[in-house]
Protein backbone atom coordinates (compact mmCIF):
# COMPACT_ATOMS: atom_id res chain seq x y z
CA MET A 1 170.06 68.74 -33.47
CA GLY A 2 172.72 68.13 -36.22
CA THR A 3 173.00 71.34 -38.16
CA VAL A 4 172.58 74.72 -36.22
CA TYR A 5 172.55 78.01 -38.18
CA VAL A 6 173.76 81.03 -36.35
CA THR A 7 172.33 84.25 -37.90
CA GLY A 8 171.97 87.74 -37.17
CA HIS A 9 169.32 90.22 -38.23
CA ARG A 10 168.16 91.24 -41.57
CA ASN A 11 169.96 94.17 -43.35
CA PRO A 12 173.25 92.72 -41.54
CA ASP A 13 175.96 95.09 -40.20
CA LEU A 14 179.45 94.23 -39.15
CA ASP A 15 178.42 93.37 -35.44
CA SER A 16 175.51 91.08 -36.72
CA VAL A 17 177.81 89.15 -39.28
CA CYS A 18 181.03 89.02 -37.06
CA SER A 19 179.07 87.80 -33.76
CA ALA A 20 177.36 85.17 -36.04
CA TYR A 21 180.68 83.88 -37.11
CA GLY A 22 182.46 84.14 -33.81
CA TYR A 23 179.68 82.40 -31.86
CA ALA A 24 179.55 79.69 -34.50
CA GLY A 25 183.31 79.03 -34.23
CA LEU A 26 183.04 78.91 -30.43
CA MET A 27 180.26 76.70 -30.37
CA ASN A 28 182.05 74.39 -32.84
CA MET A 29 184.87 74.04 -30.34
CA GLN A 30 182.25 73.22 -27.64
CA ASP A 31 179.88 71.00 -29.06
CA ALA A 32 181.48 68.17 -31.31
CA GLU A 33 178.20 66.42 -31.92
CA ASN A 34 176.66 69.41 -33.93
CA THR A 35 177.75 71.76 -36.65
CA TYR A 36 177.18 75.36 -36.31
CA ILE A 37 177.00 77.43 -39.63
CA PRO A 38 177.48 81.21 -39.54
CA VAL A 39 174.83 82.61 -42.03
CA ARG A 40 173.44 86.11 -42.99
CA CYS A 41 169.78 86.71 -43.97
CA GLY A 42 170.74 89.81 -46.04
CA HIS A 43 172.94 91.21 -48.10
CA LEU A 44 176.18 93.18 -47.11
CA SER A 45 176.51 96.78 -47.99
CA GLU A 46 179.40 97.70 -50.09
CA SER A 47 181.27 99.23 -47.02
CA ALA A 48 180.87 96.10 -44.81
CA ARG A 49 181.86 93.66 -47.56
CA ASN A 50 184.90 95.56 -48.19
CA ILE A 51 185.87 95.46 -44.62
CA MET A 52 184.96 91.82 -44.43
CA GLU A 53 187.12 90.78 -47.12
CA GLN A 54 190.02 92.46 -45.56
CA LEU A 55 189.70 89.77 -42.67
CA GLU A 56 190.53 86.94 -45.11
CA ILE A 57 187.74 84.64 -43.87
CA GLU A 58 184.88 82.95 -45.67
CA ILE A 59 182.06 85.47 -45.33
CA PRO A 60 178.93 83.78 -43.88
CA ALA A 61 176.89 82.80 -46.71
CA TYR A 62 173.45 84.33 -47.64
CA MET A 63 170.42 82.42 -46.60
CA SER A 64 166.96 83.77 -47.51
CA ASP A 65 164.80 81.71 -45.21
CA VAL A 66 164.34 78.87 -42.82
CA TYR A 67 161.02 77.50 -44.24
CA PRO A 68 161.22 73.78 -44.36
CA LYS A 69 161.59 72.72 -48.14
CA VAL A 70 161.55 69.65 -50.19
CA LYS A 71 165.30 69.58 -50.17
CA ASP A 72 165.18 68.91 -46.44
CA VAL A 73 163.08 65.82 -46.69
CA MET A 74 163.96 64.42 -49.88
CA LEU A 75 165.64 60.85 -50.26
CA GLY A 76 168.94 60.27 -52.03
CA ASP A 77 169.71 57.32 -54.28
CA ASP A 78 170.71 54.71 -51.72
CA TYR A 79 169.58 52.25 -54.21
CA SER A 80 168.80 52.40 -57.93
CA ILE A 81 168.51 50.07 -61.06
CA ASP A 82 168.65 50.14 -64.85
CA ALA A 83 165.69 50.62 -67.12
CA GLU A 84 166.87 47.53 -68.85
CA ASP A 85 166.98 45.29 -65.69
CA SER A 86 164.40 42.65 -65.03
CA LEU A 87 162.10 42.49 -62.21
CA THR A 88 164.63 40.04 -60.74
CA ALA A 89 166.74 43.04 -59.82
CA VAL A 90 163.86 44.73 -58.18
CA ALA A 91 162.97 41.72 -56.05
CA ALA A 92 166.85 41.76 -54.74
CA ILE A 93 166.29 45.44 -53.53
CA TYR A 94 162.92 44.24 -51.58
CA LYS A 95 164.92 41.47 -49.93
CA LYS A 96 166.90 44.20 -48.17
CA SER A 97 164.45 46.96 -47.83
CA ASN A 98 160.86 47.99 -48.23
CA PRO A 99 161.03 51.33 -50.56
CA SER A 100 157.93 52.97 -51.94
CA ALA A 101 159.67 53.91 -55.00
CA ILE A 102 163.14 53.26 -56.68
CA PRO A 103 165.15 55.50 -58.99
CA VAL A 104 165.53 54.16 -62.50
CA TYR A 105 168.26 55.02 -64.82
CA ASP A 106 168.86 54.59 -68.58
CA LYS A 107 172.47 54.89 -69.86
CA GLY A 108 173.33 56.96 -66.88
CA GLU A 109 170.37 59.35 -67.27
CA PHE A 110 167.30 59.55 -64.69
CA TYR A 111 164.52 57.73 -66.28
CA GLY A 112 161.82 57.77 -63.69
CA LEU A 113 160.57 56.20 -60.35
CA LEU A 114 159.35 52.45 -60.14
CA THR A 115 156.85 52.57 -57.49
CA VAL A 116 155.28 49.85 -55.41
CA ASP A 117 151.98 50.58 -57.32
CA ASP A 118 153.72 49.82 -60.82
CA ILE A 119 154.72 46.31 -59.62
CA THR A 120 151.50 45.59 -58.12
CA ASN A 121 149.42 46.58 -61.23
CA TRP A 122 151.59 44.40 -63.34
CA THR A 123 151.37 41.60 -61.12
CA MET A 124 147.73 41.84 -60.96
CA ARG A 125 147.26 42.06 -64.52
CA GLU A 126 149.50 38.96 -65.01
CA LEU A 127 147.61 36.94 -62.39
CA SER A 128 144.30 37.70 -64.13
CA LYS A 129 145.45 35.94 -67.16
CA SER A 130 144.98 32.34 -67.76
CA SER A 131 148.27 31.66 -68.96
CA LYS A 132 151.28 31.43 -66.84
CA ILE A 133 153.87 34.11 -66.70
CA ASN A 134 156.62 32.88 -68.75
CA GLU A 135 158.81 36.05 -69.20
CA ILE A 136 160.09 38.39 -66.52
CA PRO A 137 159.73 42.00 -67.96
CA LYS A 138 162.23 44.72 -67.90
CA VAL A 139 161.78 47.53 -65.32
CA LYS A 140 161.09 50.03 -68.14
CA GLU A 141 158.18 47.92 -69.33
CA ILE A 142 156.15 48.13 -66.35
CA MET A 143 156.84 51.80 -65.40
CA SER A 144 153.61 54.15 -65.58
CA ALA A 145 154.39 57.57 -67.34
CA GLN A 146 154.99 60.28 -64.66
CA THR A 147 154.69 63.79 -65.68
CA GLU A 148 154.46 65.48 -62.05
CA ARG A 149 157.79 66.56 -60.58
CA LEU A 150 158.71 68.63 -57.64
CA LEU A 151 161.51 71.53 -57.29
CA SER A 152 164.05 71.09 -54.25
CA GLU A 153 163.27 74.75 -53.26
CA GLU A 154 159.41 74.10 -53.15
CA LEU A 155 157.96 74.79 -49.71
CA PHE A 156 157.36 71.50 -47.58
CA ASP A 157 153.47 72.27 -46.89
CA GLU A 158 153.16 73.22 -50.69
CA ALA A 159 154.84 69.89 -51.86
CA ARG A 160 152.83 67.65 -49.36
CA ALA A 161 149.70 68.98 -50.80
CA ILE A 162 150.68 68.34 -54.23
CA LEU A 163 151.66 64.90 -53.40
CA GLN A 164 148.42 64.16 -51.27
CA LYS A 165 146.44 65.23 -54.37
CA SER A 166 148.34 62.93 -56.89
CA ASP A 167 147.93 59.33 -57.47
CA GLU A 168 151.59 58.76 -57.27
CA ARG A 169 153.50 57.47 -54.03
CA GLY A 170 156.33 59.44 -55.05
CA LEU A 171 157.96 62.12 -57.16
CA ALA A 172 161.26 63.02 -58.47
CA VAL A 173 162.79 66.19 -57.25
CA TYR A 174 164.44 68.60 -59.67
CA GLU A 175 167.02 71.46 -59.19
CA ASP A 176 167.79 73.61 -62.35
CA ASP A 177 166.09 70.71 -64.55
CA LYS A 178 168.57 68.21 -63.15
CA TYR A 179 167.40 65.26 -60.92
CA VAL A 180 168.70 65.42 -57.46
CA GLY A 181 166.41 62.95 -55.39
CA PHE A 182 162.88 62.02 -54.82
CA VAL A 183 160.18 62.13 -52.16
CA THR A 184 157.55 59.66 -51.02
CA ARG A 185 154.48 60.15 -48.71
CA ARG A 186 156.45 58.86 -45.81
CA CYS A 187 158.75 61.91 -46.18
CA PHE A 188 155.98 64.47 -45.23
CA LEU A 189 154.81 62.51 -41.99
CA LYS A 190 157.07 64.73 -39.89
CA PHE A 191 157.54 68.59 -40.25
CA PRO A 192 161.19 69.53 -40.31
CA GLU A 193 162.62 72.23 -38.52
CA TYR A 194 165.75 74.23 -38.88
CA ASN A 195 167.86 74.77 -35.51
CA VAL A 196 168.60 78.38 -35.16
CA ILE A 197 170.55 80.57 -32.95
CA LEU A 198 169.84 84.41 -33.01
CA VAL A 199 172.52 87.12 -32.55
CA ASP A 200 172.47 90.67 -32.28
CA HIS A 201 168.59 90.61 -32.60
CA ASN A 202 165.63 88.73 -31.06
CA GLU A 203 162.52 90.19 -32.51
CA PRO A 204 160.85 87.93 -34.99
CA GLU A 205 160.30 91.10 -37.48
CA GLN A 206 164.13 91.55 -37.45
CA SER A 207 164.90 87.89 -38.18
CA ILE A 208 165.38 85.64 -40.91
CA ARG A 209 162.26 84.67 -42.59
CA GLY A 210 160.36 81.66 -41.50
CA ILE A 211 161.55 81.86 -38.02
CA GLU A 212 158.10 81.20 -36.63
CA THR A 213 158.79 77.58 -38.00
CA ALA A 214 162.07 76.93 -36.75
CA ASN A 215 163.66 75.43 -33.40
CA ILE A 216 165.42 78.39 -31.69
CA VAL A 217 168.18 77.11 -29.47
CA GLY A 218 169.90 80.21 -28.28
CA ILE A 219 169.94 84.28 -28.12
CA LEU A 220 172.88 86.48 -27.61
CA ASP A 221 171.69 90.10 -27.98
CA HIS A 222 172.61 93.79 -26.68
CA HIS A 223 169.00 95.08 -27.54
CA ARG A 224 165.88 95.32 -25.71
CA LEU A 225 164.04 91.95 -25.46
CA ASP A 226 160.84 91.32 -27.32
CA ALA A 227 161.96 87.55 -28.05
CA ILE A 228 159.95 84.99 -30.11
CA LYS A 229 158.14 82.36 -27.98
CA THR A 230 160.41 79.22 -28.05
CA LYS A 231 159.22 75.47 -27.74
CA GLN A 232 161.75 74.84 -24.90
CA PRO A 233 164.15 76.22 -22.48
CA ILE A 234 167.10 77.72 -24.34
CA PHE A 235 170.30 79.58 -23.35
CA ILE A 236 169.97 83.40 -23.61
CA CYS A 237 172.57 85.95 -22.95
CA ALA A 238 171.25 89.76 -23.14
CA GLU A 239 173.42 92.47 -22.00
CA PRO A 240 173.09 96.25 -22.44
CA LEU A 241 176.64 96.40 -23.91
CA GLY A 242 177.55 98.33 -27.18
CA SER A 243 178.15 95.14 -29.20
CA THR A 244 177.06 91.76 -29.57
CA CYS A 245 180.69 90.72 -30.59
CA THR A 246 181.63 91.82 -26.85
CA ILE A 247 179.00 89.10 -25.60
CA VAL A 248 180.48 86.66 -27.77
CA TYR A 249 184.03 87.40 -26.52
CA GLN A 250 182.80 87.16 -23.07
CA GLN A 251 181.22 83.74 -24.03
CA TYR A 252 184.89 82.40 -25.03
CA ILE A 253 186.41 83.63 -21.71
CA ARG A 254 183.53 82.01 -19.59
CA ASN A 255 184.18 78.83 -21.46
CA ASN A 256 188.03 78.88 -21.12
CA ARG A 257 188.44 79.42 -24.72
CA THR A 258 190.84 82.06 -26.26
CA PRO A 259 190.18 83.07 -29.78
CA ASP A 260 192.87 82.91 -32.19
CA SER A 261 194.38 86.18 -34.14
CA VAL A 262 191.97 85.63 -36.88
CA MET A 263 188.87 85.24 -34.78
CA ALA A 264 190.12 88.05 -32.39
CA LYS A 265 190.14 90.41 -35.54
CA VAL A 266 186.73 89.44 -36.63
CA LEU A 267 185.29 90.20 -32.96
CA LEU A 268 187.22 93.36 -32.70
CA THR A 269 185.95 94.58 -36.06
CA GLY A 270 182.46 93.96 -35.01
CA ILE A 271 183.02 95.71 -31.69
CA LEU A 272 184.73 99.02 -33.37
CA SER A 273 181.96 99.09 -35.84
CA ASP A 274 178.98 99.15 -33.65
CA THR A 275 180.57 101.27 -31.05
CA LEU A 276 182.27 103.68 -33.75
CA ILE A 277 185.68 103.14 -32.31
CA LEU A 278 184.58 102.97 -28.80
CA LYS A 279 183.14 106.71 -29.32
CA SER A 280 179.53 105.91 -29.16
CA PRO A 281 177.54 106.67 -25.87
CA THR A 282 176.53 102.91 -26.11
CA THR A 283 180.14 101.96 -25.42
CA THR A 284 180.52 100.22 -21.96
CA GLY A 285 183.61 99.37 -19.88
CA ASP A 286 183.15 95.70 -20.93
CA ASP A 287 183.21 96.84 -24.65
CA VAL A 288 186.60 98.73 -24.15
CA VAL A 289 188.13 95.76 -22.05
CA ALA A 290 187.28 93.30 -24.89
CA ALA A 291 188.46 95.57 -27.89
CA HIS A 292 191.97 95.99 -26.04
CA VAL A 293 192.19 92.21 -25.37
CA LEU A 294 191.13 91.20 -28.89
CA ALA A 295 193.47 93.94 -30.38
CA SER A 296 196.37 92.42 -28.42
CA ILE A 297 195.69 88.92 -29.80
CA ALA A 298 195.16 90.17 -33.29
CA ARG A 299 198.57 92.45 -32.91
CA VAL A 300 196.88 95.67 -34.01
CA ASP A 301 196.27 98.82 -32.24
CA VAL A 302 192.67 99.58 -31.55
CA GLU A 303 192.39 103.38 -32.58
CA GLU A 304 194.66 102.54 -35.64
CA TYR A 305 192.77 99.50 -36.74
CA GLY A 306 189.37 101.44 -35.95
CA MET A 307 190.41 104.40 -38.28
CA SER A 308 191.60 101.88 -41.08
CA MET A 309 188.28 100.22 -41.03
CA PHE A 310 186.44 103.40 -41.43
CA SER A 311 188.76 104.95 -44.10
CA ARG A 312 187.43 101.58 -46.42
CA VAL A 313 183.90 102.90 -46.02
CA GLY A 314 184.49 105.88 -48.24
CA GLY A 315 181.96 108.64 -48.92
CA LEU A 316 178.27 108.28 -49.95
CA LYS A 317 178.46 110.36 -52.86
CA ASP A 318 179.14 107.59 -55.45
CA LYS A 319 177.30 104.72 -53.98
CA ASP A 320 173.74 103.47 -54.47
CA PRO A 321 171.56 105.49 -52.12
CA ARG A 322 168.82 103.06 -51.68
CA ALA A 323 171.41 100.39 -51.00
CA GLU A 324 173.29 102.23 -48.38
CA ILE A 325 170.10 103.36 -46.66
CA SER A 326 168.69 99.98 -46.61
CA ALA A 327 172.07 98.14 -45.22
CA ASP A 328 171.31 99.39 -41.73
CA PHE A 329 167.62 100.66 -41.50
CA LYS A 330 165.40 99.68 -38.67
CA THR A 331 161.63 100.24 -38.19
CA TYR A 332 159.63 101.15 -35.11
CA THR A 333 156.09 102.03 -34.21
CA GLU A 334 155.45 104.56 -31.69
CA ASN A 335 152.32 106.02 -30.86
CA GLY A 336 150.65 104.49 -33.89
CA VAL A 337 153.35 106.16 -36.23
CA LYS A 338 155.41 103.80 -38.37
CA ILE A 339 159.02 105.09 -38.31
CA GLY A 340 162.13 104.14 -40.13
CA ILE A 341 165.79 105.17 -39.06
CA GLY A 342 168.85 104.39 -41.18
CA GLN A 343 172.37 104.99 -40.23
CA CYS A 344 175.48 105.37 -42.54
CA GLU A 345 179.08 105.90 -41.47
CA VAL A 346 181.38 108.36 -43.02
CA THR A 347 184.79 110.07 -42.54
CA THR A 348 183.49 113.44 -43.53
CA LEU A 349 180.38 115.66 -43.82
CA ASN A 350 181.73 118.03 -45.90
CA ASP A 351 180.74 116.61 -49.09
CA LEU A 352 177.04 116.23 -47.85
CA LYS A 353 175.60 118.92 -50.21
CA GLY A 354 176.77 116.73 -53.22
CA TYR A 355 174.48 113.92 -52.47
CA SER A 356 171.82 115.05 -49.73
CA ASP A 357 169.26 115.53 -52.67
CA LYS A 358 169.42 111.95 -54.16
CA TYR A 359 169.48 110.31 -50.64
CA GLN A 360 166.64 112.11 -49.77
CA GLU A 361 164.70 110.99 -52.73
CA ALA A 362 165.62 107.37 -52.05
CA LEU A 363 164.66 107.96 -48.23
CA ASN A 364 161.12 108.89 -49.76
CA GLU A 365 161.04 105.93 -51.83
CA ILE A 366 161.86 103.62 -49.06
CA ARG A 367 159.27 105.16 -46.82
CA ASP A 368 156.55 104.54 -49.34
CA MET A 369 157.60 100.98 -50.34
CA LYS A 370 157.75 100.15 -46.39
CA GLY A 371 154.46 101.80 -45.80
CA LEU A 372 156.03 103.93 -42.95
CA ASP A 373 154.94 107.42 -41.85
CA TRP A 374 158.23 108.87 -41.38
CA ALA A 375 161.74 107.89 -42.60
CA VAL A 376 165.00 109.59 -41.49
CA LEU A 377 168.78 108.75 -42.41
CA MET A 378 171.52 109.57 -39.66
CA ILE A 379 175.06 110.18 -41.58
CA THR A 380 177.68 110.05 -38.90
CA ASP A 381 181.17 111.05 -39.23
CA VAL A 382 183.05 108.83 -37.05
CA ILE A 383 186.14 110.57 -36.85
CA HIS A 384 184.87 114.18 -35.82
CA GLU A 385 181.88 112.78 -33.85
CA HIS A 386 179.35 114.70 -35.64
CA SER A 387 176.16 113.67 -37.60
CA ALA A 388 173.67 115.01 -40.14
CA LEU A 389 170.22 113.96 -40.30
CA LEU A 390 167.99 113.75 -43.48
CA SER A 391 164.26 113.25 -43.23
CA THR A 392 161.17 112.84 -45.25
CA ASP A 393 158.51 115.33 -44.82
CA HIS A 394 156.71 114.74 -41.46
CA ARG A 395 155.24 117.23 -38.74
CA GLY A 396 157.71 115.58 -36.22
CA ASN A 397 160.38 117.59 -38.02
CA ARG A 398 159.37 120.53 -36.17
CA HIS A 399 159.98 119.06 -32.75
CA LEU A 400 163.34 117.91 -33.27
CA PRO A 401 165.98 119.70 -31.01
CA TYR A 402 168.40 120.01 -33.93
CA SER A 403 169.49 123.05 -36.14
CA SER A 404 168.06 122.90 -39.58
CA ILE A 405 170.79 123.22 -42.46
CA GLY A 406 168.64 122.76 -45.44
CA LYS A 407 165.09 121.40 -46.25
CA ASN A 408 164.63 118.46 -43.90
CA ILE A 409 168.37 118.32 -42.99
CA PHE A 410 169.46 118.79 -39.53
CA ASP A 411 172.84 119.22 -38.00
CA MET A 412 173.70 116.99 -35.07
CA PRO A 413 176.67 117.66 -33.17
CA HIS A 414 178.02 114.94 -30.88
CA VAL A 415 175.15 112.82 -31.81
CA MET A 416 176.56 109.30 -32.49
CA SER A 417 174.21 106.78 -31.54
CA ARG A 418 170.82 105.90 -33.25
CA LYS A 419 169.52 104.09 -30.04
CA LYS A 420 170.60 106.09 -27.42
CA GLN A 421 170.68 109.40 -28.69
CA LEU A 422 168.44 109.88 -31.94
CA LEU A 423 165.63 107.32 -31.20
CA PRO A 424 164.43 109.07 -28.12
CA GLU A 425 164.16 112.47 -29.84
CA ILE A 426 162.24 110.78 -32.45
CA ILE A 427 159.78 109.12 -30.12
CA HIS A 428 159.51 112.38 -28.29
CA ALA A 429 158.80 114.28 -31.53
CA VAL A 430 156.03 111.81 -32.26
CA GLY A 431 154.50 112.16 -28.80
CA ASP A 432 154.27 115.92 -28.97
CA GLN A 433 152.22 115.83 -32.10
């Protein structure tokens, strides 16, 4: 396989990023023949980034998509020649290999590609003359002028179409106006695929863009299964636990591996984040056991560390409403109604009135942008186990079992889980219409 990317879902939360980091670490221990790289397919919220930075690890890099690109098939300069060289130098290369194109440099700068067609055309012209060939030309004297070029980030299919329509055998590849390699027609004979492991999700709509073109080699998740069709049998571990990081921890144990103190803290962070310091109704006994074992390895107290994590989250008043809502926003379709549910964690709801208006305004914008019928935001006080719900205008609001504390604002005591507590009520409200 070579390189395998381990990614969580779009709008990554801490469980998504930490489980990707943790599972990539385990697989690099288990499989020396391949390299596992944790990535994220979305941008972290300010709160999540603050917590990740405290872990003192390299935060998984952002990867926009897994569509095959020119950079995945381009050739490097395994051989090259100088523009002032004679064809004798070219002949020396062809004794060892049979390239369709050879990169040419002039005073250290990329000059162009010398192709087989350039050599053939010059040879045929000279042979058509009655006189003998008395002088071997320089490389630059027989090269045709090339104006076409490709970009390294250009999509594979689009680049292939460009080359097919071109008269050239090969084209130079550029990145930020700098030559980085070249491609020939041979480069496009086989469709390249990214190898990907999905964690904390399994549905294509939630995954990295281009996942339909990738080779999925594994899935670890704690959500309902609506998985992408795979091309071959793969490893799947799906369990109804409170956190994907708990599943990753269990994989360490099943493979007789023990995470070091840094990795233990990473996995603990994901568990405490997704289970709201083990207070969410989604929390299972396995989550509790995993959290305490990992806390012991990391030399921290579960409750103290969890409280310190969420204390870094801060309030919502001075943050970008659209960014905070989008950071953990999931969409559903029930009875033909398109619904979006976001969730933010805070340590108090006392200042809700100070920012509710601008968050409701942002919620309306997100609803319209995503083409939704109904959008809500669940703001959860993890300290006092209490939530408030902000909603856009929708008739489903009338059927919610929560007390109204303002226009499209509802009080939700003891409600902590979007999946287990809020979503069923939203679905019920839609069904009652």
